[in-house]
């Protein structure tokens, strides 16, 4: 080949590569900015110390502990339920880390200082030590608590390490309980709601890497290899159930993208999700229809859009085939836009938790 032709070929390859990069950038165009961050975090700010309405969820509680929820768990009592209050605090920390000059900065810091105090978190710890609370918020709420803790650990704000230290006894307790629970959990839980094992594992892995919790990481990896590695032909056509806010198939695939090496993950994925064609993958390609956003159960489907979007992005990052990677990123973009467009129509039933899912998605 002549030198001139070599130059032409090189120019063509450079232009082709630029087109691919441009196309990928165009697909993934929704990212947090200060305006969007302020809009979303305001929902968490509004509810983290709102006493009512509240979902009473303590079963078999001892009579001596029959107190108002905001006395039993004085750090995490707003936002309807315990886990939503926890990840509402994560949302505030995440936004303040990324946008330190945000309008609600002083309000957020004040709420964090009050709710993450040593006194309040010690009461949380004492509550969880009770026998009746051993299964409370297992494992969804536990995972979000670990995520909040790891977000504090990696923040250079001077009080963040104090708050993290206040949280550590409870985090350590729930890490130990997770390991014990997995020794007894003969099969994973696979619904599209809170109990989903793969979803909690993904958050816990993120925590374990920041906090160097190797015991928990190794246990999750061992359990996942044993219980998920042999899975094939995930029944995408059964998704979603009418009140899902998680995709069982995508939650598992996103988890395995964190567990397996890239080559091994690609081999596994195309057995687990053999086809991305409309005929086979259409139930995930198309955002779910939300006929009543204000119904707290039906409104879960808005959160499902955000969960699908970020798991599709996690999966796409690890794919070797560019065509499939771009397809998944396009599906993620469509879900992100549809979820954001409808989330503010959900009323308190959605507002108390959707900000977290939107922030987590738009941060990826």
Foldseek 3Di string as FASTA:
>chain_A
DDPVVVVVVVVVVVVVVVVLVVLLCVLLPFFDDLVVLLVLLVLLLVWLQPQPDADDDQPPDDPVPPDRPCQQQVLGRTLRYRLLSLLSLVSLLVSCQVPVPHPCNVSNVVSLCVSLDLVNLVSNLVSCVDPSNLPPLPPQSLLSNLLSLLSLLPGPPPCSVVSSVSNVVVNVVNLVSVLVVLVVPPAADQALDRRGPLQSLVSVCVSCVSVVVVVSVVSSLVSLCVHPQPAFAAQLVCPDPQQGLADSLLSNLLSVLVNDDLVSSQVSVCRRQVDCDCVRNVSLLDQDDQPALQPLRNVSSLNNLLNQLQSLQSNLVSDPDSVSSSSSSNSSSVSLVVSVVCQVVHPSSRSSHSSSSNNVSSND
